Amino acid sequence: MTSGIGPDLWEAARVATQEMVEWLARLGGLAPEDAYLLTSVAGDLKISEIVDAPNWVDALSQSGLRGGHGMNGLKRELGI
């Protein structure tokens, strides 16, 4: 799970998404473009809390990667 924190909801979401892309690329050895595509279909972005309004915490989990796939199985399915 990655998170973005700040007074701007959209910027916090962007940070959480960028960190997920970087994490998937690093962990799975994916090209950044493939990690971005994977995040777009398997990521689950939610507002997890509002702290001392107007500070937002957005969390992005890789929920689509659950269910026994694991990184290697998912890479096989995607052909990468």
C-alpha atoms as a PDB file:
ATOM      1  CA  MET A   1       0.000   0.000   0.000  1.00  0.00           C
ATOM      2  CA  THR A   2       1.211   3.481  -0.785  1.00  0.00           C
ATOM      3  CA  SER A   3      -0.122   6.808   0.387  1.00  0.00           C
ATOM      4  CA  GLY A   4      -0.129  10.468  -0.467  1.00  0.00           C
ATOM      5  CA  ILE A   5      -0.686  13.134   2.170  1.00  0.00           C
ATOM      6  CA  GLY A   6      -1.379  16.838   1.752  1.00  0.00           C
ATOM      7  CA  PRO A   7      -3.885  19.673   1.593  1.00  0.00           C
ATOM      8  CA  ASP A   8      -4.764  18.990  -2.071  1.00  0.00           C
ATOM      9  CA  LEU A   9      -6.780  15.794  -2.605  1.00  0.00           C
ATOM     10  CA  TRP A  10      -5.742  15.390  -6.249  1.00  0.00           C
ATOM     11  CA  GLU A  11      -2.052  15.921  -5.525  1.00  0.00           C
ATOM     12  CA  ALA A  12      -2.215  13.366  -2.702  1.00  0.00           C
ATOM     13  CA  ALA A  13      -3.831  10.885  -5.114  1.00  0.00           C
ATOM     14  CA  ARG A  14      -1.129  11.573  -7.703  1.00  0.00           C
ATOM     15  CA  VAL A  15       1.632  10.964  -5.145  1.00  0.00           C
ATOM     16  CA  ALA A  16       0.045   7.687  -3.974  1.00  0.00           C
ATOM     17  CA  THR A  17      -0.283   6.531  -7.584  1.00  0.00           C
ATOM     18  CA  GLN A  18       3.280   7.487  -8.513  1.00  0.00           C
ATOM     19  CA  GLU A  19       4.652   5.693  -5.470  1.00  0.00           C
ATOM     20  CA  MET A  20       2.685   2.546  -6.408  1.00  0.00           C
ATOM     21  CA  VAL A  21       4.062   2.637  -9.953  1.00  0.00           C
ATOM     22  CA  GLU A  22       7.615   3.003  -8.630  1.00  0.00           C
ATOM     23  CA  TRP A  23       7.078   0.233  -6.060  1.00  0.00           C
ATOM     24  CA  LEU A  24       5.716  -2.213  -8.661  1.00  0.00           C
ATOM     25  CA  ALA A  25       8.531  -1.402 -11.071  1.00  0.00           C
ATOM     26  CA  ARG A  26      11.155  -1.935  -8.384  1.00  0.00           C
ATOM     27  CA  LEU A  27       9.607  -5.021  -6.764  1.00  0.00           C
ATOM     28  CA  GLY A  28       8.436  -6.777  -9.902  1.00  0.00           C
ATOM     29  CA  GLY A  29      11.128  -5.669 -12.275  1.00  0.00           C
ATOM     30  CA  LEU A  30       8.484  -4.123 -14.511  1.00  0.00           C
ATOM     31  CA  ALA A  31       9.093  -1.342 -16.976  1.00  0.00           C
ATOM     32  CA  PRO A  32       7.572   1.884 -15.624  1.00  0.00           C
ATOM     33  CA  GLU A  33       4.965   1.808 -18.406  1.00  0.00           C
ATOM     34  CA  ASP A  34       3.900  -1.731 -17.462  1.00  0.00           C
ATOM     35  CA  ALA A  35       3.757  -0.795 -13.778  1.00  0.00           C
ATOM     36  CA  TYR A  36       1.563   2.184 -14.680  1.00  0.00           C
ATOM     37  CA  LEU A  37      -0.782  -0.005 -16.738  1.00  0.00           C
ATOM     38  CA  LEU A  38      -0.982  -2.548 -13.931  1.00  0.00           C
ATOM     39  CA  THR A  39      -1.768   0.183 -11.410  1.00  0.00           C
ATOM     40  CA  SER A  40      -4.529   1.511 -13.648  1.00  0.00           C
ATOM     41  CA  VAL A  41      -6.347  -1.845 -13.725  1.00  0.00           C
ATOM     42  CA  ALA A  42      -5.464  -3.367 -10.343  1.00  0.00           C
ATOM     43  CA  GLY A  43      -5.055  -0.347  -8.057  1.00  0.00           C
ATOM     44  CA  ASP A  44      -7.725   0.589  -5.530  1.00  0.00           C
ATOM     45  CA  LEU A  45      -7.420   4.295  -4.629  1.00  0.00           C
ATOM     46  CA  LYS A  46      -9.392   5.486  -1.617  1.00  0.00           C
ATOM     47  CA  ILE A  47      -9.477   8.468   0.689  1.00  0.00           C
ATOM     48  CA  SER A  48      -8.394   6.790   3.893  1.00  0.00           C
ATOM     49  CA  GLU A  49      -8.724   9.726   6.276  1.00  0.00           C
ATOM     50  CA  ILE A  50      -8.976  13.469   6.669  1.00  0.00           C
ATOM     51  CA  VAL A  51      -6.517  14.749   9.245  1.00  0.00           C
ATOM     52  CA  ASP A  52      -6.826  18.256  10.624  1.00  0.00           C
ATOM     53  CA  ALA A  53      -8.896  19.385   7.633  1.00  0.00           C
ATOM     54  CA  PRO A  54      -8.014  20.151   4.941  1.00  0.00           C
ATOM     55  CA  ASN A  55      -5.198  17.541   5.017  1.00  0.00           C
ATOM     56  CA  TRP A  56      -6.145  14.400   3.091  1.00  0.00           C
ATOM     57  CA  VAL A  57      -4.616  10.940   3.203  1.00  0.00           C
ATOM     58  CA  ASP A  58      -5.138   8.903   0.040  1.00  0.00           C
ATOM     59  CA  ALA A  59      -4.167   5.245   0.081  1.00  0.00           C
ATOM     60  CA  LEU A  60      -3.624   3.067  -2.958  1.00  0.00           C
ATOM     61  CA  SER A  61      -3.562  -0.682  -2.514  1.00  0.00           C
ATOM     62  CA  GLN A  62      -2.785  -3.337  -5.063  1.00  0.00           C
ATOM     63  CA  SER A  63      -6.057  -5.167  -4.424  1.00  0.00           C
ATOM     64  CA  GLY A  64      -6.134  -6.599  -7.919  1.00  0.00           C
ATOM     65  CA  LEU A  65      -2.875  -8.422  -7.179  1.00  0.00           C
ATOM     66  CA  ARG A  66      -4.452 -10.469  -4.401  1.00  0.00           C
ATOM     67  CA  GLY A  67      -6.114 -13.810  -4.793  1.00  0.00           C
ATOM     68  CA  GLY A  68      -3.061 -16.006  -5.160  1.00  0.00           C
ATOM     69  CA  HIS A  69      -1.666 -14.403  -8.289  1.00  0.00           C
ATOM     70  CA  GLY A  70       1.469 -12.987  -6.776  1.00  0.00           C
ATOM     71  CA  MET A  71       3.805 -10.869  -8.866  1.00  0.00           C
ATOM     72  CA  ASN A  72       5.207 -13.763 -10.942  1.00  0.00           C
ATOM     73  CA  GLY A  73       1.790 -15.203 -11.760  1.00  0.00           C
ATOM     74  CA  LEU A  74       0.480 -11.800 -12.704  1.00  0.00           C
ATOM     75  CA  LYS A  75       3.482 -11.131 -14.934  1.00  0.00           C
ATOM     76  CA  ARG A  76       2.877 -14.478 -16.673  1.00  0.00           C
ATOM     77  CA  GLU A  77      -0.780 -13.603 -17.229  1.00  0.00           C
ATOM     78  CA  LEU A  78       0.163 -10.239 -18.689  1.00  0.00           C
ATOM     79  CA  GLY A  79       2.939 -11.727 -20.820  1.00  0.00           C
ATOM     80  CA  ILE A  80       5.667  -9.546 -19.348  1.00  0.00           C
END
